[in-house]
PDB file of N, CA and C in Angstrom:
ATOM      1  N   MET A   1      -5.577 -25.510 -44.262  1.00  0.00           N
ATOM      2  CA  MET A   1      -5.101 -24.276 -43.732  1.00  0.00           C
ATOM      3  C   MET A   1      -4.910 -24.411 -42.218  1.00  0.00           C
ATOM      4  N   LYS A   2      -3.751 -23.853 -41.718  1.00  0.00           N
ATOM      5  CA  LYS A   2      -3.448 -23.927 -40.289  1.00  0.00           C
ATOM      6  C   LYS A   2      -4.214 -22.860 -39.535  1.00  0.00           C
ATOM      7  N   LYS A   3      -4.625 -23.254 -38.358  1.00  0.00           N
ATOM      8  CA  LYS A   3      -5.357 -22.311 -37.530  1.00  0.00           C
ATOM      9  C   LYS A   3      -4.368 -21.567 -36.623  1.00  0.00           C
ATOM     10  N   GLN A   4      -4.425 -20.250 -36.588  1.00  0.00           N
ATOM     11  CA  GLN A   4      -3.564 -19.420 -35.749  1.00  0.00           C
ATOM     12  C   GLN A   4      -4.005 -19.551 -34.293  1.00  0.00           C
ATOM     13  N   PRO A   5      -3.019 -19.608 -33.361  1.00  0.00           N
ATOM     14  CA  PRO A   5      -3.419 -19.652 -31.946  1.00  0.00           C
ATOM     15  C   PRO A   5      -4.101 -18.347 -31.549  1.00  0.00           C
ATOM     16  N   ASN A   6      -5.049 -18.474 -30.683  1.00  0.00           N
ATOM     17  CA  ASN A   6      -5.837 -17.323 -30.255  1.00  0.00           C
ATOM     18  C   ASN A   6      -5.277 -16.774 -28.936  1.00  0.00           C
ATOM     19  N   PHE A   7      -4.500 -15.658 -29.018  1.00  0.00           N
ATOM     20  CA  PHE A   7      -3.969 -14.990 -27.833  1.00  0.00           C
ATOM     21  C   PHE A   7      -4.843 -13.789 -27.539  1.00  0.00           C
ATOM     22  N   SER A   8      -5.941 -14.049 -26.964  1.00  0.00           N
ATOM     23  CA  SER A   8      -6.851 -12.950 -26.671  1.00  0.00           C
ATOM     24  C   SER A   8      -6.457 -12.269 -25.365  1.00  0.00           C
ATOM     25  N   ARG A   9      -7.004 -11.124 -25.157  1.00  0.00           N
ATOM     26  CA  ARG A   9      -6.715 -10.321 -23.982  1.00  0.00           C
ATOM     27  C   ARG A   9      -7.113 -11.049 -22.689  1.00  0.00           C
ATOM     28  N   SER A  10      -8.148 -11.797 -22.714  1.00  0.00           N
ATOM     29  CA  SER A  10      -8.621 -12.476 -21.502  1.00  0.00           C
ATOM     30  C   SER A  10      -7.668 -13.581 -21.067  1.00  0.00           C
ATOM     31  N   ASN A  11      -6.887 -14.133 -21.988  1.00  0.00           N
ATOM     32  CA  ASN A  11      -5.942 -15.196 -21.635  1.00  0.00           C
ATOM     33  C   ASN A  11      -4.666 -14.638 -21.011  1.00  0.00           C
ATOM     34  N   GLN A  12      -4.343 -13.344 -21.172  1.00  0.00           N
ATOM     35  CA  GLN A  12      -3.075 -12.782 -20.729  1.00  0.00           C
ATOM     36  C   GLN A  12      -3.193 -11.941 -19.463  1.00  0.00           C
ATOM     37  N   GLN A  13      -4.334 -11.716 -18.943  1.00  0.00           N
ATOM     38  CA  GLN A  13      -4.479 -10.832 -17.790  1.00  0.00           C
ATOM     39  C   GLN A  13      -3.774 -11.374 -16.548  1.00  0.00           C
ATOM     40  N   GLY A  14      -3.760 -12.632 -16.305  1.00  0.00           N
ATOM     41  CA  GLY A  14      -3.095 -13.221 -15.142  1.00  0.00           C
ATOM     42  C   GLY A  14      -1.586 -13.161 -15.261  1.00  0.00           C
ATOM     43  N   ALA A  15      -1.047 -13.247 -16.463  1.00  0.00           N
ATOM     44  CA  ALA A  15       0.409 -13.225 -16.661  1.00  0.00           C
ATOM     45  C   ALA A  15       0.992 -11.871 -16.271  1.00  0.00           C
ATOM     46  N   VAL A  16       0.310 -10.794 -16.588  1.00  0.00           N
ATOM     47  CA  VAL A  16       0.797  -9.456 -16.239  1.00  0.00           C
ATOM     48  C   VAL A  16       0.858  -9.304 -14.724  1.00  0.00           C
ATOM     49  N   LEU A  17      -0.122  -9.801 -14.037  1.00  0.00           N
ATOM     50  CA  LEU A  17      -0.147  -9.724 -12.580  1.00  0.00           C
ATOM     51  C   LEU A  17       1.026 -10.492 -11.976  1.00  0.00           C
ATOM     52  N   VAL A  18       1.269 -11.701 -12.470  1.00  0.00           N
ATOM     53  CA  VAL A  18       2.351 -12.526 -11.945  1.00  0.00           C
ATOM     54  C   VAL A  18       3.704 -11.865 -12.212  1.00  0.00           C
ATOM     55  N   VAL A  19       3.927 -11.360 -13.408  1.00  0.00           N
ATOM     56  CA  VAL A  19       5.190 -10.702 -13.741  1.00  0.00           C
ATOM     57  C   VAL A  19       5.387  -9.454 -12.869  1.00  0.00           C
ATOM     58  N   GLY A  20       4.342  -8.688 -12.681  1.00  0.00           N
ATOM     59  CA  GLY A  20       4.421  -7.491 -11.836  1.00  0.00           C
ATOM     60  C   GLY A  20       4.750  -7.825 -10.394  1.00  0.00           C
ATOM     61  N   LEU A  21       4.122  -8.860  -9.853  1.00  0.00           N
ATOM     62  CA  LEU A  21       4.387  -9.255  -8.471  1.00  0.00           C
ATOM     63  C   LEU A  21       5.812  -9.790  -8.296  1.00  0.00           C
ATOM     64  N   VAL A  22       6.289 -10.556  -9.240  1.00  0.00           N
ATOM     65  CA  VAL A  22       7.664 -11.075  -9.174  1.00  0.00           C
ATOM     66  C   VAL A  22       8.663  -9.924  -9.249  1.00  0.00           C
ATOM     67  N   THR A  23       8.390  -8.944 -10.113  1.00  0.00           N
ATOM     68  CA  THR A  23       9.272  -7.784 -10.231  1.00  0.00           C
ATOM     69  C   THR A  23       9.300  -6.993  -8.923  1.00  0.00           C
ATOM     70  N   LEU A  24       8.145  -6.781  -8.314  1.00  0.00           N
ATOM     71  CA  LEU A  24       8.095  -6.085  -7.033  1.00  0.00           C
ATOM     72  C   LEU A  24       8.826  -6.858  -5.945  1.00  0.00           C
ATOM     73  N   LEU A  25       8.711  -8.165  -5.944  1.00  0.00           N
ATOM     74  CA  LEU A  25       9.406  -8.992  -4.969  1.00  0.00           C
ATOM     75  C   LEU A  25      10.919  -8.851  -5.115  1.00  0.00           C
ATOM     76  N   VAL A  26      11.415  -8.913  -6.334  1.00  0.00           N
ATOM     77  CA  VAL A  26      12.855  -8.784  -6.578  1.00  0.00           C
ATOM     78  C   VAL A  26      13.344  -7.407  -6.144  1.00  0.00           C
ATOM     79  N   LEU A  27      12.620  -6.353  -6.488  1.00  0.00           N
ATOM     80  CA  LEU A  27      13.021  -5.002  -6.094  1.00  0.00           C
ATOM     81  C   LEU A  27      12.984  -4.825  -4.579  1.00  0.00           C
ATOM     82  N   THR A  28      12.015  -5.415  -3.918  1.00  0.00           N
ATOM     83  CA  THR A  28      11.936  -5.342  -2.460  1.00  0.00           C
ATOM     84  C   THR A  28      13.126  -6.041  -1.819  1.00  0.00           C
ATOM     85  N   LEU A  29      13.465  -7.211  -2.325  1.00  0.00           N
ATOM     86  CA  LEU A  29      14.618  -7.935  -1.778  1.00  0.00           C
ATOM     87  C   LEU A  29      15.920  -7.165  -2.000  1.00  0.00           C
ATOM     88  N   LEU A  30      16.071  -6.544  -3.148  1.00  0.00           N
ATOM     89  CA  LEU A  30      17.260  -5.722  -3.409  1.00  0.00           C
ATOM     90  C   LEU A  30      17.316  -4.529  -2.451  1.00  0.00           C
ATOM     91  N   GLY A  31      16.195  -3.907  -2.195  1.00  0.00           N
ATOM     92  CA  GLY A  31      16.149  -2.776  -1.273  1.00  0.00           C
ATOM     93  C   GLY A  31      16.493  -3.177   0.148  1.00  0.00           C
ATOM     94  N   ILE A  32      15.938  -4.283   0.602  1.00  0.00           N
ATOM     95  CA  ILE A  32      16.219  -4.764   1.958  1.00  0.00           C
ATOM     96  C   ILE A  32      17.693  -5.132   2.104  1.00  0.00           C
ATOM     97  N   THR A  33      18.247  -5.783   1.093  1.00  0.00           N
ATOM     98  CA  THR A  33      19.661  -6.154   1.129  1.00  0.00           C
ATOM     99  C   THR A  33      20.540  -4.911   1.163  1.00  0.00           C
ATOM    100  N   GLY A  34      20.199  -3.919   0.389  1.00  0.00           N
ATOM    101  CA  GLY A  34      20.968  -2.672   0.389  1.00  0.00           C
ATOM    102  C   GLY A  34      20.911  -1.964   1.725  1.00  0.00           C
ATOM    103  N   MET A  35      19.748  -1.950   2.351  1.00  0.00           N
ATOM    104  CA  MET A  35      19.621  -1.307   3.661  1.00  0.00           C
ATOM    105  C   MET A  35      20.433  -2.050   4.714  1.00  0.00           C
ATOM    106  N   ARG A  36      20.377  -3.370   4.695  1.00  0.00           N
ATOM    107  CA  ARG A  36      21.129  -4.154   5.678  1.00  0.00           C
ATOM    108  C   ARG A  36      22.622  -3.944   5.501  1.00  0.00           C
ATOM    109  N   THR A  37      23.066  -3.868   4.251  1.00  0.00           N
ATOM    110  CA  THR A  37      24.483  -3.650   3.982  1.00  0.00           C
ATOM    111  C   THR A  37      24.922  -2.282   4.484  1.00  0.00           C
ATOM    112  N   SER A  38      24.134  -1.258   4.222  1.00  0.00           N
ATOM    113  CA  SER A  38      24.516   0.085   4.667  1.00  0.00           C
ATOM    114  C   SER A  38      24.489   0.194   6.186  1.00  0.00           C
ATOM    115  N   ILE A  39      23.560  -0.463   6.850  1.00  0.00           N
ATOM    116  CA  ILE A  39      23.519  -0.441   8.311  1.00  0.00           C
ATOM    117  C   ILE A  39      24.754  -1.135   8.880  1.00  0.00           C
ATOM    118  N   MET A  40      25.151  -2.247   8.284  1.00  0.00           N
ATOM    119  CA  MET A  40      26.339  -2.968   8.754  1.00  0.00           C
ATOM    120  C   MET A  40      27.590  -2.120   8.551  1.00  0.00           C
ATOM    121  N   GLU A  41      27.694  -1.443   7.421  1.00  0.00           N
ATOM    122  CA  GLU A  41      28.853  -0.583   7.166  1.00  0.00           C
ATOM    123  C   GLU A  41      28.890   0.588   8.143  1.00  0.00           C
ATOM    124  N   GLU A  42      27.728   1.116   8.498  1.00  0.00           N
ATOM    125  CA  GLU A  42      27.668   2.212   9.468  1.00  0.00           C
ATOM    126  C   GLU A  42      28.144   1.739  10.836  1.00  0.00           C
ATOM    127  N   LYS A  43      27.727   0.542  11.243  1.00  0.00           N
ATOM    128  CA  LYS A  43      28.180  -0.013  12.520  1.00  0.00           C
ATOM    129  C   LYS A  43      29.685  -0.253  12.511  1.00  0.00           C
ATOM    130  N   MET A  44      30.200  -0.745  11.385  1.00  0.00           N
ATOM    131  CA  MET A  44      31.634  -1.000  11.286  1.00  0.00           C
ATOM    132  C   MET A  44      32.429   0.296  11.402  1.00  0.00           C
ATOM    133  N   SER A  45      31.967   1.349  10.744  1.00  0.00           N
ATOM    134  CA  SER A  45      32.696   2.611  10.809  1.00  0.00           C
ATOM    135  C   SER A  45      32.599   3.213  12.205  1.00  0.00           C
ATOM    136  N   ALA A  46      31.459   3.076  12.880  1.00  0.00           N
ATOM    137  CA  ALA A  46      31.328   3.580  14.251  1.00  0.00           C
ATOM    138  C   ALA A  46      32.263   2.823  15.187  1.00  0.00           C
ATOM    139  N   ASN A  47      32.377   1.511  15.011  1.00  0.00           N
ATOM    140  CA  ASN A  47      33.296   0.730  15.836  1.00  0.00           C
ATOM    141  C   ASN A  47      34.747   1.122  15.575  1.00  0.00           C
ATOM    142  N   LEU A  48      35.082   1.384  14.336  1.00  0.00           N
ATOM    143  CA  LEU A  48      36.443   1.795  14.001  1.00  0.00           C
ATOM    144  C   LEU A  48      36.776   3.142  14.636  1.00  0.00           C
ATOM    145  N   ILE A  49      35.828   4.065  14.610  1.00  0.00           N
ATOM    146  CA  ILE A  49      36.041   5.370  15.243  1.00  0.00           C
ATOM    147  C   ILE A  49      36.219   5.195  16.754  1.00  0.00           C
ATOM    148  N   SER A  50      35.380   4.378  17.384  1.00  0.00           N
ATOM    149  CA  SER A  50      35.499   4.139  18.827  1.00  0.00           C
ATOM    150  C   SER A  50      36.838   3.495  19.170  1.00  0.00           C
ATOM    151  N   GLN A  51      37.261   2.552  18.356  1.00  0.00           N
ATOM    152  CA  GLN A  51      38.541   1.888  18.585  1.00  0.00           C
ATOM    153  C   GLN A  51      39.688   2.888  18.463  1.00  0.00           C
ATOM    154  N   ASN A  52      39.619   3.765  17.486  1.00  0.00           N
ATOM    155  CA  ASN A  52      40.664   4.757  17.288  1.00  0.00           C
ATOM    156  C   ASN A  52      40.708   5.734  18.457  1.00  0.00           C
ATOM    157  N   ILE A  53      39.550   6.163  18.950  1.00  0.00           N
ATOM    158  CA  ILE A  53      39.507   7.075  20.100  1.00  0.00           C
ATOM    159  C   ILE A  53      40.084   6.398  21.339  1.00  0.00           C
ATOM    160  N   ALA A  54      39.745   5.123  21.556  1.00  0.00           N
ATOM    161  CA  ALA A  54      40.276   4.395  22.707  1.00  0.00           C
ATOM    162  C   ALA A  54      41.788   4.237  22.606  1.00  0.00           C
ATOM    163  N   LEU A  55      42.283   3.949  21.411  1.00  0.00           N
ATOM    164  CA  LEU A  55      43.729   3.815  21.217  1.00  0.00           C
ATOM    165  C   LEU A  55      44.436   5.137  21.489  1.00  0.00           C
ATOM    166  N   GLN A  56      43.880   6.232  21.006  1.00  0.00           N
ATOM    167  CA  GLN A  56      44.489   7.536  21.236  1.00  0.00           C
ATOM    168  C   GLN A  56      44.465   7.901  22.716  1.00  0.00           C
ATOM    169  N   ALA A  57      43.380   7.588  23.416  1.00  0.00           N
ATOM    170  CA  ALA A  57      43.292   7.876  24.845  1.00  0.00           C
ATOM    171  C   ALA A  57      44.315   7.061  25.627  1.00  0.00           C
ATOM    172  N   ALA A  58      44.450   5.784  25.295  1.00  0.00           N
ATOM    173  CA  ALA A  58      45.427   4.932  25.977  1.00  0.00           C
ATOM    174  C   ALA A  58      46.845   5.420  25.704  1.00  0.00           C
ATOM    175  N   ASP A  59      47.126   5.777  24.482  1.00  0.00           N
ATOM    176  CA  ASP A  59      48.450   6.278  24.130  1.00  0.00           C
ATOM    177  C   ASP A  59      48.740   7.579  24.861  1.00  0.00           C
ATOM    178  N   SER A  60      47.751   8.448  24.943  1.00  0.00           N
ATOM    179  CA  SER A  60      47.914   9.713  25.642  1.00  0.00           C
ATOM    180  C   SER A  60      48.203   9.483  27.127  1.00  0.00           C
ATOM    181  N   CYS A  61      47.483   8.545  27.743  1.00  0.00           N
ATOM    182  CA  CYS A  61      47.714   8.238  29.152  1.00  0.00           C
ATOM    183  C   CYS A  61      49.106   7.670  29.374  1.00  0.00           C
ATOM    184  N   LEU A  62      49.547   6.794  28.498  1.00  0.00           N
ATOM    185  CA  LEU A  62      50.892   6.226  28.621  1.00  0.00           C
ATOM    186  C   LEU A  62      51.959   7.309  28.475  1.00  0.00           C
ATOM    187  N   GLN A  63      51.795   8.192  27.520  1.00  0.00           N
ATOM    188  CA  GLN A  63      52.761   9.263  27.343  1.00  0.00           C
ATOM    189  C   GLN A  63      52.778  10.180  28.555  1.00  0.00           C
ATOM    190  N   ARG A  64      51.593  10.515  29.069  1.00  0.00           N
ATOM    191  CA  ARG A  64      51.523  11.393  30.236  1.00  0.00           C
ATOM    192  C   ARG A  64      52.159  10.721  31.448  1.00  0.00           C
ATOM    193  N   GLY A  65      51.916   9.444  31.630  1.00  0.00           N
ATOM    194  CA  GLY A  65      52.526   8.720  32.746  1.00  0.00           C
ATOM    195  C   GLY A  65      54.034   8.672  32.646  1.00  0.00           C
ATOM    196  N   MET A  66      54.543   8.456  31.467  1.00  0.00           N
ATOM    197  CA  MET A  66      55.989   8.428  31.281  1.00  0.00           C
ATOM    198  C   MET A  66      56.595   9.812  31.484  1.00  0.00           C
ATOM    199  N   LEU A  67      55.908  10.849  31.037  1.00  0.00           N
ATOM    200  CA  LEU A  67      56.405  12.209  31.246  1.00  0.00           C
ATOM    201  C   LEU A  67      56.418  12.562  32.727  1.00  0.00           C
ATOM    202  N   ASP A  68      55.353  12.180  33.451  1.00  0.00           N
ATOM    203  CA  ASP A  68      55.274  12.476  34.879  1.00  0.00           C
ATOM    204  C   ASP A  68      56.330  11.724  35.675  1.00  0.00           C
ATOM    205  N   SER A  69      56.720  10.539  35.221  1.00  0.00           N
ATOM    206  CA  SER A  69      57.735   9.764  35.935  1.00  0.00           C
ATOM    207  C   SER A  69      59.142  10.249  35.620  1.00  0.00           C
ATOM    208  N   GLY A  70      59.283  11.109  34.638  1.00  0.00           N
ATOM    209  CA  GLY A  70      60.609  11.625  34.275  1.00  0.00           C
ATOM    210  C   GLY A  70      61.425  10.634  33.474  1.00  0.00           C
ATOM    211  N   GLY A  71      60.811   9.613  32.945  1.00  0.00           N
ATOM    212  CA  GLY A  71      61.538   8.582  32.198  1.00  0.00           C
ATOM    213  C   GLY A  71      62.039   9.049  30.852  1.00  0.00           C
ATOM    214  N   PHE A  72      61.385   9.997  30.259  1.00  0.00           N
ATOM    215  CA  PHE A  72      61.804  10.487  28.950  1.00  0.00           C
ATOM    216  C   PHE A  72      61.100  11.794  28.655  1.00  0.00           C
ATOM    217  N   THR A  73      61.546  12.432  27.621  1.00  0.00           N
ATOM    218  CA  THR A  73      60.857  13.611  27.116  1.00  0.00           C
ATOM    219  C   THR A  73      60.384  13.306  25.708  1.00  0.00           C
ATOM    220  N   LEU A  74      59.466  14.102  25.225  1.00  0.00           N
ATOM    221  CA  LEU A  74      58.950  13.864  23.878  1.00  0.00           C
ATOM    222  C   LEU A  74      59.990  14.154  22.809  1.00  0.00           C
ATOM    223  N   ASP A  75      61.078  14.877  23.179  1.00  0.00           N
ATOM    224  CA  ASP A  75      62.134  15.171  22.211  1.00  0.00           C
ATOM    225  C   ASP A  75      63.157  14.049  22.108  1.00  0.00           C
ATOM    226  N   ASP A  76      63.053  13.056  22.947  1.00  0.00           N
ATOM    227  CA  ASP A  76      64.036  11.986  22.994  1.00  0.00           C
ATOM    228  C   ASP A  76      63.897  11.113  21.747  1.00  0.00           C
ATOM    229  N   SER A  77      64.854  11.198  20.840  1.00  0.00           N
ATOM    230  CA  SER A  77      64.762  10.439  19.588  1.00  0.00           C
ATOM    231  C   SER A  77      64.899   8.944  19.827  1.00  0.00           C
ATOM    232  N   GLN A  78      65.655   8.554  20.874  1.00  0.00           N
ATOM    233  CA  GLN A  78      65.788   7.128  21.180  1.00  0.00           C
ATOM    234  C   GLN A  78      64.426   6.560  21.582  1.00  0.00           C
ATOM    235  N   TRP A  79      63.643   7.321  22.362  1.00  0.00           N
ATOM    236  CA  TRP A  79      62.323   6.862  22.747  1.00  0.00           C
ATOM    237  C   TRP A  79      61.431   6.725  21.526  1.00  0.00           C
ATOM    238  N   GLN A  80      61.503   7.707  20.614  1.00  0.00           N
ATOM    239  CA  GLN A  80      60.676   7.666  19.410  1.00  0.00           C
ATOM    240  C   GLN A  80      60.991   6.420  18.592  1.00  0.00           C
ATOM    241  N   ASP A  81      62.283   6.112  18.421  1.00  0.00           N
ATOM    242  CA  ASP A  81      62.667   4.929  17.643  1.00  0.00           C
ATOM    243  C   ASP A  81      62.174   3.653  18.318  1.00  0.00           C
ATOM    244  N   ASN A  82      62.361   3.549  19.631  1.00  0.00           N
ATOM    245  CA  ASN A  82      61.945   2.351  20.354  1.00  0.00           C
ATOM    246  C   ASN A  82      60.432   2.234  20.427  1.00  0.00           C
ATOM    247  N   TYR A  83      59.753   3.379  20.529  1.00  0.00           N
ATOM    248  CA  TYR A  83      58.295   3.353  20.554  1.00  0.00           C
ATOM    249  C   TYR A  83      57.744   2.818  19.238  1.00  0.00           C
ATOM    250  N   GLN A  84      58.313   3.264  18.133  1.00  0.00           N
ATOM    251  CA  GLN A  84      57.866   2.770  16.833  1.00  0.00           C
ATOM    252  C   GLN A  84      58.188   1.296  16.691  1.00  0.00           C
ATOM    253  N   ASN A  85      59.353   0.864  17.199  1.00  0.00           N
ATOM    254  CA  ASN A  85      59.719  -0.546  17.139  1.00  0.00           C
ATOM    255  C   ASN A  85      58.738  -1.378  17.955  1.00  0.00           C
ATOM    256  N   THR A  86      58.362  -0.901  19.133  1.00  0.00           N
ATOM    257  CA  THR A  86      57.415  -1.626  19.976  1.00  0.00           C
ATOM    258  C   THR A  86      56.045  -1.692  19.321  1.00  0.00           C
ATOM    259  N   ALA A  87      55.635  -0.596  18.709  1.00  0.00           N
ATOM    260  CA  ALA A  87      54.334  -0.565  18.048  1.00  0.00           C
ATOM    261  C   ALA A  87      54.290  -1.543  16.885  1.00  0.00           C
ATOM    262  N   MET A  88      55.437  -1.825  16.300  1.00  0.00           N
ATOM    263  CA  MET A  88      55.487  -2.750  15.170  1.00  0.00           C
ATOM    264  C   MET A  88      55.716  -4.188  15.622  1.00  0.00           C
ATOM    265  N   GLY A  89      55.727  -4.432  16.939  1.00  0.00           N
ATOM    266  CA  GLY A  89      55.829  -5.804  17.424  1.00  0.00           C
ATOM    267  C   GLY A  89      57.175  -6.133  18.026  1.00  0.00           C
ATOM    268  N   GLY A  90      58.101  -5.187  18.074  1.00  0.00           N
ATOM    269  CA  GLY A  90      59.403  -5.442  18.683  1.00  0.00           C
ATOM    270  C   GLY A  90      59.296  -5.432  20.194  1.00  0.00           C
ATOM    271  N   GLY A  91      60.287  -5.968  20.859  1.00  0.00           N
ATOM    272  CA  GLY A  91      60.250  -6.010  22.318  1.00  0.00           C
ATOM    273  C   GLY A  91      61.028  -4.848  22.902  1.00  0.00           C
ATOM    274  N   ALA A  92      60.442  -4.143  23.837  1.00  0.00           N
ATOM    275  CA  ALA A  92      61.121  -3.049  24.526  1.00  0.00           C
ATOM    276  C   ALA A  92      61.084  -3.319  26.024  1.00  0.00           C
ATOM    277  N   THR A  93      62.128  -2.951  26.712  1.00  0.00           N
ATOM    278  CA  THR A  93      62.200  -3.154  28.152  1.00  0.00           C
ATOM    279  C   THR A  93      62.167  -1.803  28.843  1.00  0.00           C
ATOM    280  N   ALA A  94      62.194  -1.823  30.166  1.00  0.00           N
ATOM    281  CA  ALA A  94      62.196  -0.571  30.924  1.00  0.00           C
ATOM    282  C   ALA A  94      63.468   0.221  30.642  1.00  0.00           C
ATOM    283  N   ALA A  95      64.575  -0.467  30.402  1.00  0.00           N
ATOM    284  CA  ALA A  95      65.842   0.220  30.107  1.00  0.00           C
ATOM    285  C   ALA A  95      65.753   0.966  28.787  1.00  0.00           C
ATOM    286  N   THR A  96      64.911   0.504  27.907  1.00  0.00           N
ATOM    287  CA  THR A  96      64.734   1.172  26.614  1.00  0.00           C
ATOM    288  C   THR A  96      64.269   2.585  26.803  1.00  0.00           C
ATOM    289  N   TYR A  97      63.421   2.812  27.810  1.00  0.00           N
ATOM    290  CA  TYR A  97      62.848   4.127  28.027  1.00  0.00           C
ATOM    291  C   TYR A  97      63.610   4.946  29.053  1.00  0.00           C
ATOM    292  N   GLY A  98      64.772   4.514  29.426  1.00  0.00           N
ATOM    293  CA  GLY A  98      65.598   5.295  30.339  1.00  0.00           C
ATOM    294  C   GLY A  98      65.387   4.963  31.798  1.00  0.00           C
ATOM    295  N   ALA A  99      64.554   4.002  32.112  1.00  0.00           N
ATOM    296  CA  ALA A  99      64.361   3.605  33.514  1.00  0.00           C
ATOM    297  C   ALA A  99      65.484   2.673  33.924  1.00  0.00           C
ATOM    298  N   GLU A 100      65.915   2.808  35.156  1.00  0.00           N
ATOM    299  CA  GLU A 100      67.017   1.958  35.623  1.00  0.00           C
ATOM    300  C   GLU A 100      66.577   1.067  36.752  1.00  0.00           C
TER     301      GLU A 100
END
C-alpha cells in the first residue's frame, strides 16, 4: 500500500507568508508605477499649457506691433492668407505684409 504524503498545517505556514509578501510587493510596484506615470502626465500637460500661453502672448504682441506700425489691419484677407502660409512653414517677406 502506498503512503499518502503528509501535508500538515505546520508544513504550509511559511508558504502563505511568502505568497502574501510577493503579492504585496507586486501591488506596491504597480502603485508606484501608476503614481509616477500620472505625475509625468501632469507635468506634460502643465508644460503644454505654458507653451500655449507663451505662443498666444507672442502672437498677440506681433499682431499689436503690426497694427501699431500701420502695416495691416485685421480685416486684411491677404495678411490672413500669408499669415497662415507662414505658420505652415512658407516664407513671407516684409512686402507680404504691406511694408515697403
